[in-house]
Amino acid sequence: MITFQQGLDVMKRRDGLDRPVPFKVDFVTANMRTKVAGEVKEFDQMVLMRAKTKNADKDAKHFLNGTVNLMPNGGGPITKVHIQLIRKINDMIVT
């Protein structure tokens, strides 16, 4: 088991060339407007998006909304995840 803060530290890791280190994540989807939980999703080889995307019309306010954007290592669709709903990182349960 790892703490929530340790999990965030794993997601923020960078290698010697300042590239993000991929991780495996398991989380529950949710619609926070309707307060309806969705399904459990598991993704392998994801990286944390740190910079604002070029297509963003407005600031996502991730800190205020408690979300992070994850993307498959090497590119692909971005997935927004509510950090409170992350269950596992690299097969370690987040407490």
PDB file of N, CA and C in Angstrom:
ATOM      1  N   MET A   1       0.835  -1.192   0.000  1.00  0.00           N
ATOM      2  CA  MET A   1       0.000   0.000   0.000  1.00  0.00           C
ATOM      3  C   MET A   1       0.872   1.245   0.000  1.00  0.00           C
ATOM      4  N   ILE A   2       0.344   2.289  -0.625  1.00  0.00           N
ATOM      5  CA  ILE A   2       1.032   3.581  -0.614  1.00  0.00           C
ATOM      6  C   ILE A   2       0.021   4.657  -0.227  1.00  0.00           C
ATOM      7  N   THR A   3       0.546   5.755   0.284  1.00  0.00           N
ATOM      8  CA  THR A   3      -0.325   6.867   0.631  1.00  0.00           C
ATOM      9  C   THR A   3      -0.697   7.631  -0.634  1.00  0.00           C
ATOM     10  N   PHE A   4      -1.694   8.458  -0.508  1.00  0.00           N
ATOM     11  CA  PHE A   4      -2.141   9.275  -1.619  1.00  0.00           C
ATOM     12  C   PHE A   4      -0.996  10.150  -2.130  1.00  0.00           C
ATOM     13  N   GLN A   5      -0.239  10.766  -1.225  1.00  0.00           N
ATOM     14  CA  GLN A   5       0.878  11.637  -1.621  1.00  0.00           C
ATOM     15  C   GLN A   5       1.968  10.847  -2.328  1.00  0.00           C
ATOM     16  N   GLN A   6       2.265   9.641  -1.856  1.00  0.00           N
ATOM     17  CA  GLN A   6       3.261   8.799  -2.520  1.00  0.00           C
ATOM     18  C   GLN A   6       2.805   8.443  -3.933  1.00  0.00           C
ATOM     19  N   GLY A   7       1.517   8.213  -4.091  1.00  0.00           N
ATOM     20  CA  GLY A   7       0.968   7.930  -5.415  1.00  0.00           C
ATOM     21  C   GLY A   7       1.147   9.104  -6.359  1.00  0.00           C
ATOM     22  N   LEU A   8       0.896  10.311  -5.875  1.00  0.00           N
ATOM     23  CA  LEU A   8       1.099  11.505  -6.702  1.00  0.00           C
ATOM     24  C   LEU A   8       2.574  11.666  -7.070  1.00  0.00           C
ATOM     25  N   ASP A   9       3.453  11.346  -6.118  1.00  0.00           N
ATOM     26  CA  ASP A   9       4.894  11.421  -6.395  1.00  0.00           C
ATOM     27  C   ASP A   9       5.293  10.424  -7.491  1.00  0.00           C
ATOM     28  N   VAL A  10       4.698   9.230  -7.486  1.00  0.00           N
ATOM     29  CA  VAL A  10       4.978   8.235  -8.530  1.00  0.00           C
ATOM     30  C   VAL A  10       4.554   8.792  -9.889  1.00  0.00           C
ATOM     31  N   MET A  11       3.376   9.416  -9.948  1.00  0.00           N
ATOM     32  CA  MET A  11       2.877   9.947 -11.213  1.00  0.00           C
ATOM     33  C   MET A  11       3.727  11.119 -11.721  1.00  0.00           C
ATOM     34  N   LYS A  12       4.371  11.852 -10.834  1.00  0.00           N
ATOM     35  CA  LYS A  12       5.171  13.019 -11.221  1.00  0.00           C
ATOM     36  C   LYS A  12       6.618  12.670 -11.568  1.00  0.00           C
ATOM     37  N   ARG A  13       7.030  11.416 -11.397  1.00  0.00           N
ATOM     38  CA  ARG A  13       8.437  11.043 -11.619  1.00  0.00           C
ATOM     39  C   ARG A  13       8.894  11.346 -13.032  1.00  0.00           C
ATOM     40  N   ARG A  14      10.173  11.741 -13.148  1.00  0.00           N
ATOM     41  CA  ARG A  14      10.831  12.018 -14.431  1.00  0.00           C
ATOM     42  C   ARG A  14      12.126  11.221 -14.479  1.00  0.00           C
ATOM     43  N   ASP A  15      12.552  10.855 -15.694  1.00  0.00           N
ATOM     44  CA  ASP A  15      13.813  10.122 -15.832  1.00  0.00           C
ATOM     45  C   ASP A  15      14.973  11.104 -15.969  1.00  0.00           C
ATOM     46  N   GLY A  16      16.165  10.598 -16.246  1.00  0.00           N
ATOM     47  CA  GLY A  16      17.359  11.425 -16.348  1.00  0.00           C
ATOM     48  C   GLY A  16      17.319  12.440 -17.482  1.00  0.00           C
ATOM     49  N   LEU A  17      16.467  12.204 -18.481  1.00  0.00           N
ATOM     50  CA  LEU A  17      16.333  13.137 -19.605  1.00  0.00           C
ATOM     51  C   LEU A  17      15.093  14.021 -19.451  1.00  0.00           C
ATOM     52  N   ASP A  18      14.532  14.068 -18.234  1.00  0.00           N
ATOM     53  CA  ASP A  18      13.355  14.870 -17.888  1.00  0.00           C
ATOM     54  C   ASP A  18      12.095  14.438 -18.640  1.00  0.00           C
ATOM     55  N   ARG A  19      12.030  13.160 -18.990  1.00  0.00           N
ATOM     56  CA  ARG A  19      10.820  12.608 -19.599  1.00  0.00           C
ATOM     57  C   ARG A  19       9.997  11.949 -18.499  1.00  0.00           C
ATOM     58  N   PRO A  20       8.662  11.981 -18.613  1.00  0.00           N
ATOM     59  CA  PRO A  20       7.838  11.335 -17.588  1.00  0.00           C
ATOM     60  C   PRO A  20       8.033   9.818 -17.581  1.00  0.00           C
ATOM     61  N   VAL A  21       8.018   9.239 -16.383  1.00  0.00           N
ATOM     62  CA  VAL A  21       8.157   7.799 -16.219  1.00  0.00           C
ATOM     63  C   VAL A  21       6.755   7.181 -16.264  1.00  0.00           C
ATOM     64  N   PRO A  22       6.493   6.241 -17.191  1.00  0.00           N
ATOM     65  CA  PRO A  22       5.159   5.628 -17.308  1.00  0.00           C
ATOM     66  C   PRO A  22       4.780   4.826 -16.056  1.00  0.00           C
ATOM     67  N   PHE A  23       3.489   4.766 -15.782  1.00  0.00           N
ATOM     68  CA  PHE A  23       2.977   4.014 -14.643  1.00  0.00           C
ATOM     69  C   PHE A  23       1.647   3.375 -15.033  1.00  0.00           C
ATOM     70  N   LYS A  24       1.214   2.435 -14.209  1.00  0.00           N
ATOM     71  CA  LYS A  24      -0.068   1.763 -14.377  1.00  0.00           C
ATOM     72  C   LYS A  24      -1.043   2.375 -13.371  1.00  0.00           C
ATOM     73  N   VAL A  25      -2.270   2.638 -13.791  1.00  0.00           N
ATOM     74  CA  VAL A  25      -3.241   3.271 -12.898  1.00  0.00           C
ATOM     75  C   VAL A  25      -4.593   2.555 -13.009  1.00  0.00           C
ATOM     76  N   ASP A  26      -5.271   2.449 -11.876  1.00  0.00           N
ATOM     77  CA  ASP A  26      -6.583   1.813 -11.760  1.00  0.00           C
ATOM     78  C   ASP A  26      -7.465   2.829 -11.029  1.00  0.00           C
ATOM     79  N   PHE A  27      -8.592   3.204 -11.637  1.00  0.00           N
ATOM     80  CA  PHE A  27      -9.449   4.222 -11.032  1.00  0.00           C
ATOM     81  C   PHE A  27     -10.916   3.970 -11.379  1.00  0.00           C
ATOM     82  N   VAL A  28     -11.791   4.686 -10.697  1.00  0.00           N
ATOM     83  CA  VAL A  28     -13.225   4.606 -10.956  1.00  0.00           C
ATOM     84  C   VAL A  28     -13.626   5.866 -11.701  1.00  0.00           C
ATOM     85  N   THR A  29     -14.397   5.714 -12.764  1.00  0.00           N
ATOM     86  CA  THR A  29     -14.896   6.880 -13.484  1.00  0.00           C
ATOM     87  C   THR A  29     -16.065   7.462 -12.703  1.00  0.00           C
ATOM     88  N   ALA A  30     -16.330   8.748 -12.920  1.00  0.00           N
ATOM     89  CA  ALA A  30     -17.445   9.391 -12.223  1.00  0.00           C
ATOM     90  C   ALA A  30     -17.863  10.646 -12.954  1.00  0.00           C
ATOM     91  N   ASN A  31     -19.138  10.966 -12.837  1.00  0.00           N
ATOM     92  CA  ASN A  31     -19.661  12.238 -13.305  1.00  0.00           C
ATOM     93  C   ASN A  31     -19.942  13.056 -12.053  1.00  0.00           C
ATOM     94  N   MET A  32     -19.097  14.041 -11.781  1.00  0.00           N
ATOM     95  CA  MET A  32     -19.225  14.804 -10.543  1.00  0.00           C
ATOM     96  C   MET A  32     -20.448  15.725 -10.547  1.00  0.00           C
ATOM     97  N   ARG A  33     -20.958  16.083 -11.713  1.00  0.00           N
ATOM     98  CA  ARG A  33     -22.165  16.926 -11.770  1.00  0.00           C
ATOM     99  C   ARG A  33     -23.396  16.160 -11.312  1.00  0.00           C
ATOM    100  N   THR A  34     -23.511  14.913 -11.790  1.00  0.00           N
ATOM    101  CA  THR A  34     -24.681  14.110 -11.437  1.00  0.00           C
ATOM    102  C   THR A  34     -24.427  13.225 -10.225  1.00  0.00           C
ATOM    103  N   LYS A  35     -23.168  13.205  -9.742  1.00  0.00           N
ATOM    104  CA  LYS A  35     -22.770  12.385  -8.593  1.00  0.00           C
ATOM    105  C   LYS A  35     -22.988  10.895  -8.847  1.00  0.00           C
ATOM    106  N   VAL A  36     -22.744  10.475 -10.087  1.00  0.00           N
ATOM    107  CA  VAL A  36     -22.924   9.078 -10.458  1.00  0.00           C
ATOM    108  C   VAL A  36     -21.561   8.457 -10.753  1.00  0.00           C
ATOM    109  N   ALA A  37     -21.280   7.345 -10.062  1.00  0.00           N
ATOM    110  CA  ALA A  37     -20.035   6.629 -10.309  1.00  0.00           C
ATOM    111  C   ALA A  37     -20.201   5.752 -11.545  1.00  0.00           C
ATOM    112  N   GLY A  38     -19.108   5.516 -12.201  1.00  0.00           N
ATOM    113  CA  GLY A  38     -19.148   4.726 -13.422  1.00  0.00           C
ATOM    114  C   GLY A  38     -18.532   3.368 -13.234  1.00  0.00           C
ATOM    115  N   GLU A  39     -17.528   3.097 -14.022  1.00  0.00           N
ATOM    116  CA  GLU A  39     -16.901   1.784 -14.015  1.00  0.00           C
ATOM    117  C   GLU A  39     -15.437   1.884 -13.627  1.00  0.00           C
ATOM    118  N   VAL A  40     -14.870   0.744 -13.269  1.00  0.00           N
ATOM    119  CA  VAL A  40     -13.446   0.683 -12.939  1.00  0.00           C
ATOM    120  C   VAL A  40     -12.670   0.593 -14.245  1.00  0.00           C
ATOM    121  N   LYS A  41     -11.668   1.449 -14.382  1.00  0.00           N
ATOM    122  CA  LYS A  41     -10.809   1.453 -15.574  1.00  0.00           C
ATOM    123  C   LYS A  41      -9.383   1.197 -15.133  1.00  0.00           C
ATOM    124  N   GLU A  42      -8.640   0.507 -15.977  1.00  0.00           N
ATOM    125  CA  GLU A  42      -7.225   0.243 -15.715  1.00  0.00           C
ATOM    126  C   GLU A  42      -6.445   0.559 -16.979  1.00  0.00           C
ATOM    127  N   PHE A  43      -5.428   1.378 -16.836  1.00  0.00           N
ATOM    128  CA  PHE A  43      -4.577   1.742 -17.966  1.00  0.00           C
ATOM    129  C   PHE A  43      -3.127   1.478 -17.607  1.00  0.00           C
ATOM    130  N   ASP A  44      -2.389   0.973 -18.585  1.00  0.00           N
ATOM    131  CA  ASP A  44      -0.973   0.687 -18.414  1.00  0.00           C
ATOM    132  C   ASP A  44      -0.171   1.683 -19.250  1.00  0.00           C
ATOM    133  N   GLN A  45       1.037   1.991 -18.821  1.00  0.00           N
ATOM    134  CA  GLN A  45       1.946   2.879 -19.558  1.00  0.00           C
ATOM    135  C   GLN A  45       1.360   4.282 -19.748  1.00  0.00           C
ATOM    136  N   MET A  46       0.829   4.865 -18.670  1.00  0.00           N
ATOM    137  CA  MET A  46       0.300   6.229 -18.713  1.00  0.00           C
ATOM    138  C   MET A  46       1.337   7.201 -18.152  1.00  0.00           C
ATOM    139  N   VAL A  47       1.246   8.457 -18.576  1.00  0.00           N
ATOM    140  CA  VAL A  47       2.097   9.512 -18.040  1.00  0.00           C
ATOM    141  C   VAL A  47       1.216  10.697 -17.652  1.00  0.00           C
ATOM    142  N   LEU A  48       1.689  11.450 -16.686  1.00  0.00           N
ATOM    143  CA  LEU A  48       0.973  12.626 -16.205  1.00  0.00           C
ATOM    144  C   LEU A  48       1.217  13.796 -17.139  1.00  0.00           C
ATOM    145  N   MET A  49       0.154  14.432 -17.586  1.00  0.00           N
ATOM    146  CA  MET A  49       0.269  15.641 -18.405  1.00  0.00           C
ATOM    147  C   MET A  49       0.523  16.811 -17.457  1.00  0.00           C
ATOM    148  N   ARG A  50       1.562  17.568 -17.722  1.00  0.00           N
ATOM    149  CA  ARG A  50       1.913  18.668 -16.825  1.00  0.00           C
ATOM    150  C   ARG A  50       1.636  20.029 -17.440  1.00  0.00           C
ATOM    151  N   ALA A  51       1.808  20.162 -18.720  1.00  0.00           N
ATOM    152  CA  ALA A  51       1.647  21.464 -19.369  1.00  0.00           C
ATOM    153  C   ALA A  51       0.220  21.632 -19.880  1.00  0.00           C
ATOM    154  N   LYS A  52      -0.178  22.864 -20.041  1.00  0.00           N
ATOM    155  CA  LYS A  52      -1.485  23.166 -20.616  1.00  0.00           C
ATOM    156  C   LYS A  52      -1.467  22.756 -22.089  1.00  0.00           C
ATOM    157  N   THR A  53      -2.523  22.101 -22.531  1.00  0.00           N
ATOM    158  CA  THR A  53      -2.569  21.658 -23.919  1.00  0.00           C
ATOM    159  C   THR A  53      -2.827  22.839 -24.848  1.00  0.00           C
ATOM    160  N   LYS A  54      -2.394  22.711 -26.089  1.00  0.00           N
ATOM    161  CA  LYS A  54      -2.540  23.794 -27.067  1.00  0.00           C
ATOM    162  C   LYS A  54      -4.001  24.088 -27.373  1.00  0.00           C
ATOM    163  N   ASN A  55      -4.858  23.074 -27.317  1.00  0.00           N
ATOM    164  CA  ASN A  55      -6.263  23.239 -27.676  1.00  0.00           C
ATOM    165  C   ASN A  55      -7.126  23.736 -26.521  1.00  0.00           C
ATOM    166  N   ALA A  56      -6.553  23.912 -25.342  1.00  0.00           N
ATOM    167  CA  ALA A  56      -7.350  24.307 -24.182  1.00  0.00           C
ATOM    168  C   ALA A  56      -7.826  25.754 -24.328  1.00  0.00           C
ATOM    169  N   ASP A  57      -9.146  25.930 -24.250  1.00  0.00           N
ATOM    170  CA  ASP A  57      -9.724  27.270 -24.320  1.00  0.00           C
ATOM    171  C   ASP A  57      -9.673  27.973 -22.974  1.00  0.00           C
ATOM    172  N   LYS A  58      -9.632  27.187 -21.900  1.00  0.00           N
ATOM    173  CA  LYS A  58      -9.609  27.775 -20.568  1.00  0.00           C
ATOM    174  C   LYS A  58      -8.766  26.912 -19.654  1.00  0.00           C
ATOM    175  N   ASP A  59      -8.390  27.468 -18.516  1.00  0.00           N
ATOM    176  CA  ASP A  59      -7.613  26.745 -17.524  1.00  0.00           C
ATOM    177  C   ASP A  59      -8.510  25.685 -16.883  1.00  0.00           C
ATOM    178  N   ALA A  60      -8.029  24.465 -16.800  1.00  0.00           N
ATOM    179  CA  ALA A  60      -8.837  23.365 -16.258  1.00  0.00           C
ATOM    180  C   ALA A  60      -8.966  23.419 -14.741  1.00  0.00           C
ATOM    181  N   LYS A  61      -8.117  24.203 -14.069  1.00  0.00           N
ATOM    182  CA  LYS A  61      -8.140  24.325 -12.610  1.00  0.00           C
ATOM    183  C   LYS A  61      -8.076  22.951 -11.946  1.00  0.00           C
ATOM    184  N   HIS A  62      -7.095  22.160 -12.356  1.00  0.00           N
ATOM    185  CA  HIS A  62      -6.967  20.797 -11.841  1.00  0.00           C
ATOM    186  C   HIS A  62      -6.866  20.760 -10.329  1.00  0.00           C
ATOM    187  N   PHE A  63      -6.124  21.696  -9.743  1.00  0.00           N
ATOM    188  CA  PHE A  63      -5.966  21.687  -8.288  1.00  0.00           C
ATOM    189  C   PHE A  63      -7.312  21.897  -7.603  1.00  0.00           C
ATOM    190  N   LEU A  64      -8.075  22.871  -8.066  1.00  0.00           N
ATOM    191  CA  LEU A  64      -9.379  23.150  -7.459  1.00  0.00           C
ATOM    192  C   LEU A  64     -10.381  22.029  -7.711  1.00  0.00           C
ATOM    193  N   ASN A  65     -10.318  21.410  -8.887  1.00  0.00           N
ATOM    194  CA  ASN A  65     -11.267  20.360  -9.243  1.00  0.00           C
ATOM    195  C   ASN A  65     -10.822  18.970  -8.812  1.00  0.00           C
ATOM    196  N   GLY A  66      -9.593  18.850  -8.334  1.00  0.00           N
ATOM    197  CA  GLY A  66      -9.091  17.550  -7.886  1.00  0.00           C
ATOM    198  C   GLY A  66      -8.945  16.553  -9.016  1.00  0.00           C
ATOM    199  N   THR A  67      -8.438  17.013 -10.160  1.00  0.00           N
ATOM    200  CA  THR A  67      -8.278  16.140 -11.312  1.00  0.00           C
ATOM    201  C   THR A  67      -6.849  16.189 -11.840  1.00  0.00           C
ATOM    202  N   VAL A  68      -6.509  15.199 -12.635  1.00  0.00           N
ATOM    203  CA  VAL A  68      -5.252  15.184 -13.376  1.00  0.00           C
ATOM    204  C   VAL A  68      -5.560  14.674 -14.780  1.00  0.00           C
ATOM    205  N   ASN A  69      -4.754  15.073 -15.732  1.00  0.00           N
ATOM    206  CA  ASN A  69      -4.870  14.552 -17.090  1.00  0.00           C
ATOM    207  C   ASN A  69      -3.771  13.524 -17.301  1.00  0.00           C
ATOM    208  N   LEU A  70      -4.170  12.346 -17.772  1.00  0.00           N
ATOM    209  CA  LEU A  70      -3.231  11.268 -18.063  1.00  0.00           C
ATOM    210  C   LEU A  70      -3.280  10.964 -19.546  1.00  0.00           C
ATOM    211  N   MET A  71      -2.124  10.583 -20.090  1.00  0.00           N
ATOM    212  CA  MET A  71      -2.031  10.263 -21.507  1.00  0.00           C
ATOM    213  C   MET A  71      -1.170   9.004 -21.666  1.00  0.00           C
ATOM    214  N   PRO A  72      -1.510   8.147 -22.625  1.00  0.00           N
ATOM    215  CA  PRO A  72      -0.645   6.984 -22.871  1.00  0.00           C
ATOM    216  C   PRO A  72       0.764   7.438 -23.246  1.00  0.00           C
ATOM    217  N   ASN A  73       1.765   6.729 -22.741  1.00  0.00           N
ATOM    218  CA  ASN A  73       3.152   7.051 -23.083  1.00  0.00           C
ATOM    219  C   ASN A  73       3.317   6.911 -24.588  1.00  0.00           C
ATOM    220  N   GLY A  74       3.819   7.937 -25.233  1.00  0.00           N
ATOM    221  CA  GLY A  74       3.995   7.929 -26.676  1.00  0.00           C
ATOM    222  C   GLY A  74       2.862   8.618 -27.418  1.00  0.00           C
ATOM    223  N   GLY A  75       1.845   9.077 -26.700  1.00  0.00           N
ATOM    224  CA  GLY A  75       0.747   9.812 -27.332  1.00  0.00           C
ATOM    225  C   GLY A  75      -0.548   9.039 -27.348  1.00  0.00           C
ATOM    226  N   GLY A  76      -1.613   9.766 -27.548  1.00  0.00           N
ATOM    227  CA  GLY A  76      -2.936   9.162 -27.583  1.00  0.00           C
ATOM    228  C   GLY A  76      -3.942  10.061 -26.897  1.00  0.00           C
ATOM    229  N   PRO A  77      -5.156   9.564 -26.721  1.00  0.00           N
ATOM    230  CA  PRO A  77      -6.195  10.397 -26.116  1.00  0.00           C
ATOM    231  C   PRO A  77      -5.909  10.690 -24.636  1.00  0.00           C
ATOM    232  N   ILE A  78      -6.220  11.890 -24.218  1.00  0.00           N
ATOM    233  CA  ILE A  78      -6.030  12.312 -22.836  1.00  0.00           C
ATOM    234  C   ILE A  78      -7.246  11.885 -22.025  1.00  0.00           C
ATOM    235  N   THR A  79      -6.986  11.361 -20.828  1.00  0.00           N
ATOM    236  CA  THR A  79      -8.039  10.934 -19.914  1.00  0.00           C
ATOM    237  C   THR A  79      -7.979  11.779 -18.658  1.00  0.00           C
ATOM    238  N   LYS A  80      -9.095  12.423 -18.304  1.00  0.00           N
ATOM    239  CA  LYS A  80      -9.169  13.204 -17.066  1.00  0.00           C
ATOM    240  C   LYS A  80      -9.602  12.267 -15.946  1.00  0.00           C
ATOM    241  N   VAL A  81      -8.863  12.284 -14.840  1.00  0.00           N
ATOM    242  CA  VAL A  81      -9.118  11.387 -13.716  1.00  0.00           C
ATOM    243  C   VAL A  81      -9.288  12.216 -12.446  1.00  0.00           C
ATOM    244  N   HIS A  82     -10.321  11.919 -11.674  1.00  0.00           N
ATOM    245  CA  HIS A  82     -10.491  12.531 -10.357  1.00  0.00           C
ATOM    246  C   HIS A  82      -9.527  11.828  -9.413  1.00  0.00           C
ATOM    247  N   ILE A  83      -8.620  12.588  -8.820  1.00  0.00           N
ATOM    248  CA  ILE A  83      -7.552  11.964  -8.045  1.00  0.00           C
ATOM    249  C   ILE A  83      -8.075  11.218  -6.820  1.00  0.00           C
ATOM    250  N   GLN A  84      -9.226  11.610  -6.292  1.00  0.00           N
ATOM    251  CA  GLN A  84      -9.787  10.908  -5.138  1.00  0.00           C
ATOM    252  C   GLN A  84     -10.287   9.520  -5.516  1.00  0.00           C
ATOM    253  N   LEU A  85     -10.483   9.271  -6.805  1.00  0.00           N
ATOM    254  CA  LEU A  85     -11.031   7.993  -7.255  1.00  0.00           C
ATOM    255  C   LEU A  85      -9.972   7.034  -7.785  1.00  0.00           C
ATOM    256  N   ILE A  86      -8.696   7.403  -7.616  1.00  0.00           N
ATOM    257  CA  ILE A  86      -7.610   6.495  -8.000  1.00  0.00           C
ATOM    258  C   ILE A  86      -7.509   5.401  -6.942  1.00  0.00           C
ATOM    259  N   ARG A  87      -7.574   4.144  -7.397  1.00  0.00           N
ATOM    260  CA  ARG A  87      -7.548   3.006  -6.470  1.00  0.00           C
ATOM    261  C   ARG A  87      -6.154   2.393  -6.339  1.00  0.00           C
ATOM    262  N   LYS A  88      -5.437   2.293  -7.473  1.00  0.00           N
ATOM    263  CA  LYS A  88      -4.112   1.678  -7.485  1.00  0.00           C
ATOM    264  C   LYS A  88      -3.196   2.425  -8.441  1.00  0.00           C
ATOM    265  N   ILE A  89      -1.919   2.466  -8.073  1.00  0.00           N
ATOM    266  CA  ILE A  89      -0.868   2.958  -8.956  1.00  0.00           C
ATOM    267  C   ILE A  89       0.223   1.906  -8.950  1.00  0.00           C
ATOM    268  N   ASN A  90       0.595   1.421 -10.121  1.00  0.00           N
ATOM    269  CA  ASN A  90       1.588   0.341 -10.253  1.00  0.00           C
ATOM    270  C   ASN A  90       1.234  -0.850  -9.353  1.00  0.00           C
ATOM    271  N   ASP A  91      -0.044  -1.223  -9.350  1.00  0.00           N
ATOM    272  CA  ASP A  91      -0.569  -2.361  -8.585  1.00  0.00           C
ATOM    273  C   ASP A  91      -0.460  -2.193  -7.075  1.00  0.00           C
ATOM    274  N   MET A  92      -0.158  -0.995  -6.586  1.00  0.00           N
ATOM    275  CA  MET A  92      -0.144  -0.723  -5.149  1.00  0.00           C
ATOM    276  C   MET A  92      -1.419   0.025  -4.782  1.00  0.00           C
ATOM    277  N   ILE A  93      -2.119  -0.442  -3.766  1.00  0.00           N
ATOM    278  CA  ILE A  93      -3.372   0.189  -3.336  1.00  0.00           C
ATOM    279  C   ILE A  93      -3.060   1.546  -2.727  1.00  0.00           C
ATOM    280  N   VAL A  94      -3.821   2.565  -3.154  1.00  0.00           N
ATOM    281  CA  VAL A  94      -3.661   3.920  -2.640  1.00  0.00           C
ATOM    282  C   VAL A  94      -4.619   4.111  -1.469  1.00  0.00           C
ATOM    283  N   THR A  95      -4.063   4.511  -0.322  1.00  0.00           N
ATOM    284  CA  THR A  95      -4.891   4.705   0.866  1.00  0.00           C
ATOM    285  C   THR A  95      -5.036   6.162   1.226  1.00  0.00           C
TER     286      THR A  95
END
